[in-house]
């Protein structure tokens, strides 16, 4: 019986690894993105950048000179607006809007890209009977928005670095 379990586990592990499965948040980073310095930005964004880089074998550095790339945050804003009201005047549905403007710089501070904008919108229903759960749900949605923004920054950075490499 234990041999059957071992064979089953081996087949499961091989099939999962063969399909390209990766842990959530892991990104294949090119060498230029292994060390990033984040100039500006909220604590939540820095936390998500640090988590994503750590999961992908990179790091968020504290000194500009140690960075392969500088992400300079020019403007960051998280808004919430009411989308619909109940008959009693309470909010039934909200929209979260996250806007982020940034530029990419090399380690000498020279611009590698023009100003880029990321805008992410999410809607969620506000159940009046589950107030505590809805606060938690909003935080989960915000975290997901930050994660998507970080992935977008990494993807755009990869494109800029590839373009520079091809020009040389």
C-alpha atoms as a PDB file:
ATOM      1  CA  UNK A   1       0.000   0.000   0.000  1.00  0.00           C
ATOM      2  CA  UNK A   2       2.821   2.456   0.804  1.00  0.00           C
ATOM      3  CA  UNK A   3       4.417   1.736  -2.586  1.00  0.00           C
ATOM      4  CA  UNK A   4       1.158   2.717  -4.268  1.00  0.00           C
ATOM      5  CA  UNK A   5       1.099   6.002  -2.302  1.00  0.00           C
ATOM      6  CA  UNK A   6       4.713   6.736  -3.204  1.00  0.00           C
ATOM      7  CA  UNK A   7       4.109   6.051  -6.900  1.00  0.00           C
ATOM      8  CA  UNK A   8       0.972   8.193  -6.840  1.00  0.00           C
ATOM      9  CA  UNK A   9       2.845  11.082  -5.165  1.00  0.00           C
ATOM     10  CA  UNK A  10       5.697  10.783  -7.655  1.00  0.00           C
ATOM     11  CA  UNK A  11       3.278  10.915 -10.609  1.00  0.00           C
ATOM     12  CA  UNK A  12       1.467  13.869  -9.052  1.00  0.00           C
ATOM     13  CA  UNK A  13       4.693  15.837  -8.472  1.00  0.00           C
ATOM     14  CA  UNK A  14       5.970  15.121 -11.986  1.00  0.00           C
ATOM     15  CA  UNK A  15       2.679  16.108 -13.623  1.00  0.00           C
ATOM     16  CA  UNK A  16       2.385  19.338 -11.625  1.00  0.00           C
ATOM     17  CA  UNK A  17       5.950  20.373 -12.407  1.00  0.00           C
ATOM     18  CA  UNK A  18       5.535  19.444 -16.090  1.00  0.00           C
ATOM     19  CA  UNK A  19       2.517  21.718 -16.544  1.00  0.00           C
ATOM     20  CA  UNK A  20       4.521  24.806 -15.558  1.00  0.00           C
ATOM     21  CA  UNK A  21       2.864  25.316 -12.175  1.00  0.00           C
ATOM     22  CA  UNK A  22       4.510  28.029 -10.066  1.00  0.00           C
ATOM     23  CA  UNK A  23       3.753  29.422  -6.662  1.00  0.00           C
ATOM     24  CA  UNK A  24       1.560  32.505  -6.774  1.00  0.00           C
ATOM     25  CA  UNK A  25       3.551  35.720  -6.871  1.00  0.00           C
ATOM     26  CA  UNK A  26       6.634  34.116  -8.410  1.00  0.00           C
ATOM     27  CA  UNK A  27       7.888  35.864 -11.535  1.00  0.00           C
ATOM     28  CA  UNK A  28      10.822  34.878 -13.740  1.00  0.00           C
ATOM     29  CA  UNK A  29      13.142  37.865 -13.324  1.00  0.00           C
ATOM     30  CA  UNK A  30      15.877  38.818 -15.800  1.00  0.00           C
ATOM     31  CA  UNK A  31      19.239  39.825 -14.307  1.00  0.00           C
ATOM     32  CA  UNK A  32      18.489  43.571 -14.524  1.00  0.00           C
ATOM     33  CA  UNK A  33      15.424  43.130 -12.285  1.00  0.00           C
ATOM     34  CA  UNK A  34      17.032  41.028  -9.549  1.00  0.00           C
ATOM     35  CA  UNK A  35      17.692  44.152  -7.468  1.00  0.00           C
ATOM     36  CA  UNK A  36      15.265  47.076  -7.554  1.00  0.00           C
ATOM     37  CA  UNK A  37      15.238  50.343  -5.649  1.00  0.00           C
ATOM     38  CA  UNK A  38      11.761  51.791  -5.121  1.00  0.00           C
ATOM     39  CA  UNK A  39      11.842  55.582  -4.933  1.00  0.00           C
ATOM     40  CA  UNK A  40       8.661  56.818  -3.279  1.00  0.00           C
ATOM     41  CA  UNK A  41       5.456  54.822  -3.019  1.00  0.00           C
ATOM     42  CA  UNK A  42       3.233  53.758  -0.157  1.00  0.00           C
ATOM     43  CA  UNK A  43       4.166  51.254   2.527  1.00  0.00           C
ATOM     44  CA  UNK A  44       1.672  48.764   1.071  1.00  0.00           C
ATOM     45  CA  UNK A  45       3.253  48.991  -2.395  1.00  0.00           C
ATOM     46  CA  UNK A  46       6.769  48.581  -0.976  1.00  0.00           C
ATOM     47  CA  UNK A  47       5.629  45.556   1.010  1.00  0.00           C
ATOM     48  CA  UNK A  48       4.124  43.922  -2.095  1.00  0.00           C
ATOM     49  CA  UNK A  49       7.232  44.696  -4.205  1.00  0.00           C
ATOM     50  CA  UNK A  50       9.434  43.189  -1.516  1.00  0.00           C
ATOM     51  CA  UNK A  51       7.272  40.032  -1.285  1.00  0.00           C
ATOM     52  CA  UNK A  52       7.156  39.569  -5.051  1.00  0.00           C
ATOM     53  CA  UNK A  53      10.885  40.056  -5.515  1.00  0.00           C
ATOM     54  CA  UNK A  54      11.726  37.742  -2.609  1.00  0.00           C
ATOM     55  CA  UNK A  55       9.456  35.015  -4.021  1.00  0.00           C
ATOM     56  CA  UNK A  56      11.155  35.409  -7.407  1.00  0.00           C
ATOM     57  CA  UNK A  57      14.777  35.358  -6.241  1.00  0.00           C
ATOM     58  CA  UNK A  58      15.232  39.130  -6.322  1.00  0.00           C
ATOM     59  CA  UNK A  59      15.437  41.813  -3.681  1.00  0.00           C
ATOM     60  CA  UNK A  60      14.282  45.317  -2.895  1.00  0.00           C
ATOM     61  CA  UNK A  61      17.469  47.199  -2.046  1.00  0.00           C
ATOM     62  CA  UNK A  62      17.816  50.132   0.351  1.00  0.00           C
ATOM     63  CA  UNK A  63      20.699  51.854  -1.477  1.00  0.00           C
ATOM     64  CA  UNK A  64      20.383  53.210  -5.021  1.00  0.00           C
ATOM     65  CA  UNK A  65      23.924  52.114  -5.885  1.00  0.00           C
ATOM     66  CA  UNK A  66      23.040  48.457  -5.255  1.00  0.00           C
ATOM     67  CA  UNK A  67      20.075  48.521  -7.647  1.00  0.00           C
ATOM     68  CA  UNK A  68      19.991  47.242 -11.199  1.00  0.00           C
ATOM     69  CA  UNK A  69      16.887  49.339 -11.787  1.00  0.00           C
ATOM     70  CA  UNK A  70      15.208  52.273 -10.039  1.00  0.00           C
ATOM     71  CA  UNK A  71      11.414  52.530 -10.064  1.00  0.00           C
ATOM     72  CA  UNK A  72      10.523  56.134  -9.311  1.00  0.00           C
ATOM     73  CA  UNK A  73       6.923  56.533  -8.123  1.00  0.00           C
ATOM     74  CA  UNK A  74       5.620  59.939  -9.184  1.00  0.00           C
ATOM     75  CA  UNK A  75       2.005  59.603  -8.049  1.00  0.00           C
ATOM     76  CA  UNK A  76       0.040  56.913  -6.262  1.00  0.00           C
ATOM     77  CA  UNK A  77      -3.601  57.072  -5.270  1.00  0.00           C
ATOM     78  CA  UNK A  78      -6.198  54.595  -3.971  1.00  0.00           C
ATOM     79  CA  UNK A  79      -9.804  55.795  -4.146  1.00  0.00           C
ATOM     80  CA  UNK A  80     -13.114  54.233  -3.180  1.00  0.00           C
ATOM     81  CA  UNK A  81     -16.426  55.438  -4.515  1.00  0.00           C
ATOM     82  CA  UNK A  82     -20.009  54.347  -4.052  1.00  0.00           C
ATOM     83  CA  UNK A  83     -21.547  52.750  -7.133  1.00  0.00           C
ATOM     84  CA  UNK A  84     -25.089  52.083  -5.880  1.00  0.00           C
ATOM     85  CA  UNK A  85     -27.259  52.763  -2.842  1.00  0.00           C
ATOM     86  CA  UNK A  86     -29.893  50.672  -1.090  1.00  0.00           C
ATOM     87  CA  UNK A  87     -33.413  51.957  -0.421  1.00  0.00           C
ATOM     88  CA  UNK A  88     -32.238  53.030   3.047  1.00  0.00           C
ATOM     89  CA  UNK A  89     -29.399  55.133   1.609  1.00  0.00           C
ATOM     90  CA  UNK A  90     -26.563  52.747   2.454  1.00  0.00           C
ATOM     91  CA  UNK A  91     -23.878  51.801  -0.045  1.00  0.00           C
ATOM     92  CA  UNK A  92     -24.614  48.512  -1.834  1.00  0.00           C
ATOM     93  CA  UNK A  93     -21.655  48.474  -4.169  1.00  0.00           C
ATOM     94  CA  UNK A  94     -18.226  50.115  -4.164  1.00  0.00           C
ATOM     95  CA  UNK A  95     -15.546  50.654  -6.763  1.00  0.00           C
ATOM     96  CA  UNK A  96     -11.882  50.696  -5.758  1.00  0.00           C
ATOM     97  CA  UNK A  97      -9.618  52.669  -8.088  1.00  0.00           C
ATOM     98  CA  UNK A  98      -5.834  52.408  -7.859  1.00  0.00           C
ATOM     99  CA  UNK A  99      -3.707  54.767  -9.961  1.00  0.00           C
ATOM    100  CA  UNK A 100       0.062  54.657 -10.132  1.00  0.00           C
ATOM    101  CA  UNK A 101       2.391  56.852 -12.212  1.00  0.00           C
ATOM    102  CA  UNK A 102       6.057  55.850 -12.399  1.00  0.00           C
ATOM    103  CA  UNK A 103       9.234  56.085 -14.445  1.00  0.00           C
ATOM    104  CA  UNK A 104      12.116  53.673 -14.775  1.00  0.00           C
ATOM    105  CA  UNK A 105      15.679  54.868 -14.201  1.00  0.00           C
ATOM    106  CA  UNK A 106      19.065  53.208 -14.470  1.00  0.00           C
ATOM    107  CA  UNK A 107      21.359  53.113 -11.431  1.00  0.00           C
ATOM    108  CA  UNK A 108      22.885  56.476 -12.426  1.00  0.00           C
ATOM    109  CA  UNK A 109      19.418  58.050 -12.400  1.00  0.00           C
ATOM    110  CA  UNK A 110      19.070  58.387 -16.187  1.00  0.00           C
ATOM    111  CA  UNK A 111      15.520  57.833 -17.454  1.00  0.00           C
ATOM    112  CA  UNK A 112      14.901  54.542 -19.252  1.00  0.00           C
ATOM    113  CA  UNK A 113      11.220  55.194 -19.932  1.00  0.00           C
ATOM    114  CA  UNK A 114       8.700  57.958 -20.116  1.00  0.00           C
ATOM    115  CA  UNK A 115       6.067  58.399 -17.423  1.00  0.00           C
ATOM    116  CA  UNK A 116       3.893  55.291 -17.295  1.00  0.00           C
ATOM    117  CA  UNK A 117       0.461  54.891 -15.726  1.00  0.00           C
ATOM    118  CA  UNK A 118      -1.208  51.874 -14.215  1.00  0.00           C
ATOM    119  CA  UNK A 119      -4.902  52.038 -13.379  1.00  0.00           C
ATOM    120  CA  UNK A 120      -6.743  49.129 -11.785  1.00  0.00           C
ATOM    121  CA  UNK A 121     -10.486  49.140 -11.004  1.00  0.00           C
ATOM    122  CA  UNK A 122     -12.321  46.584  -8.880  1.00  0.00           C
ATOM    123  CA  UNK A 123     -15.978  46.420  -7.862  1.00  0.00           C
ATOM    124  CA  UNK A 124     -17.395  44.661  -4.839  1.00  0.00           C
ATOM    125  CA  UNK A 125     -20.801  44.224  -3.260  1.00  0.00           C
ATOM    126  CA  UNK A 126     -21.298  45.607   0.245  1.00  0.00           C
ATOM    127  CA  UNK A 127     -23.535  43.257   2.239  1.00  0.00           C
ATOM    128  CA  UNK A 128     -24.996  45.308   5.119  1.00  0.00           C
ATOM    129  CA  UNK A 129     -25.347  42.221   7.344  1.00  0.00           C
ATOM    130  CA  UNK A 130     -21.634  41.288   7.268  1.00  0.00           C
ATOM    131  CA  UNK A 131     -19.831  44.523   8.096  1.00  0.00           C
ATOM    132  CA  UNK A 132     -16.672  42.952   9.584  1.00  0.00           C
ATOM    133  CA  UNK A 133     -16.290  40.511   6.708  1.00  0.00           C
ATOM    134  CA  UNK A 134     -16.642  43.286   4.156  1.00  0.00           C
ATOM    135  CA  UNK A 135     -13.809  45.301   5.709  1.00  0.00           C
ATOM    136  CA  UNK A 136     -11.607  42.231   5.403  1.00  0.00           C
ATOM    137  CA  UNK A 137     -12.793  41.674   1.822  1.00  0.00           C
ATOM    138  CA  UNK A 138     -11.839  45.224   0.877  1.00  0.00           C
ATOM    139  CA  UNK A 139      -8.342  44.731   2.298  1.00  0.00           C
ATOM    140  CA  UNK A 140      -7.935  41.502   0.316  1.00  0.00           C
ATOM    141  CA  UNK A 141      -9.043  43.304  -2.853  1.00  0.00           C
ATOM    142  CA  UNK A 142      -6.588  46.152  -2.178  1.00  0.00           C
ATOM    143  CA  UNK A 143      -3.741  43.649  -1.683  1.00  0.00           C
ATOM    144  CA  UNK A 144      -4.644  41.999  -4.983  1.00  0.00           C
ATOM    145  CA  UNK A 145      -4.607  45.388  -6.707  1.00  0.00           C
ATOM    146  CA  UNK A 146      -1.120  46.112  -5.340  1.00  0.00           C
ATOM    147  CA  UNK A 147       0.034  42.657  -6.496  1.00  0.00           C
ATOM    148  CA  UNK A 148      -1.283  43.308 -10.012  1.00  0.00           C
ATOM    149  CA  UNK A 149       0.416  46.712 -10.089  1.00  0.00           C
ATOM    150  CA  UNK A 150       3.749  45.146  -9.091  1.00  0.00           C
ATOM    151  CA  UNK A 151       3.389  42.500 -11.804  1.00  0.00           C
ATOM    152  CA  UNK A 152       2.660  45.239 -14.320  1.00  0.00           C
ATOM    153  CA  UNK A 153       5.738  47.213 -13.204  1.00  0.00           C
ATOM    154  CA  UNK A 154       7.929  44.115 -13.573  1.00  0.00           C
ATOM    155  CA  UNK A 155       6.478  43.281 -17.004  1.00  0.00           C
ATOM    156  CA  UNK A 156       6.925  46.828 -18.271  1.00  0.00           C
ATOM    157  CA  UNK A 157      10.451  46.945 -16.836  1.00  0.00           C
ATOM    158  CA  UNK A 158      11.280  43.691 -18.624  1.00  0.00           C
ATOM    159  CA  UNK A 159      10.111  45.201 -21.930  1.00  0.00           C
ATOM    160  CA  UNK A 160      12.191  48.356 -21.427  1.00  0.00           C
ATOM    161  CA  UNK A 161      15.309  46.358 -20.482  1.00  0.00           C
ATOM    162  CA  UNK A 162      14.865  43.994 -23.452  1.00  0.00           C
ATOM    163  CA  UNK A 163      14.500  46.965 -25.779  1.00  0.00           C
ATOM    164  CA  UNK A 164      17.701  48.556 -24.413  1.00  0.00           C
ATOM    165  CA  UNK A 165      19.584  45.271 -24.709  1.00  0.00           C
ATOM    166  CA  UNK A 166      18.496  44.848 -28.336  1.00  0.00           C
ATOM    167  CA  UNK A 167      19.630  48.397 -29.180  1.00  0.00           C
ATOM    168  CA  UNK A 168      23.157  47.659 -27.931  1.00  0.00           C
END
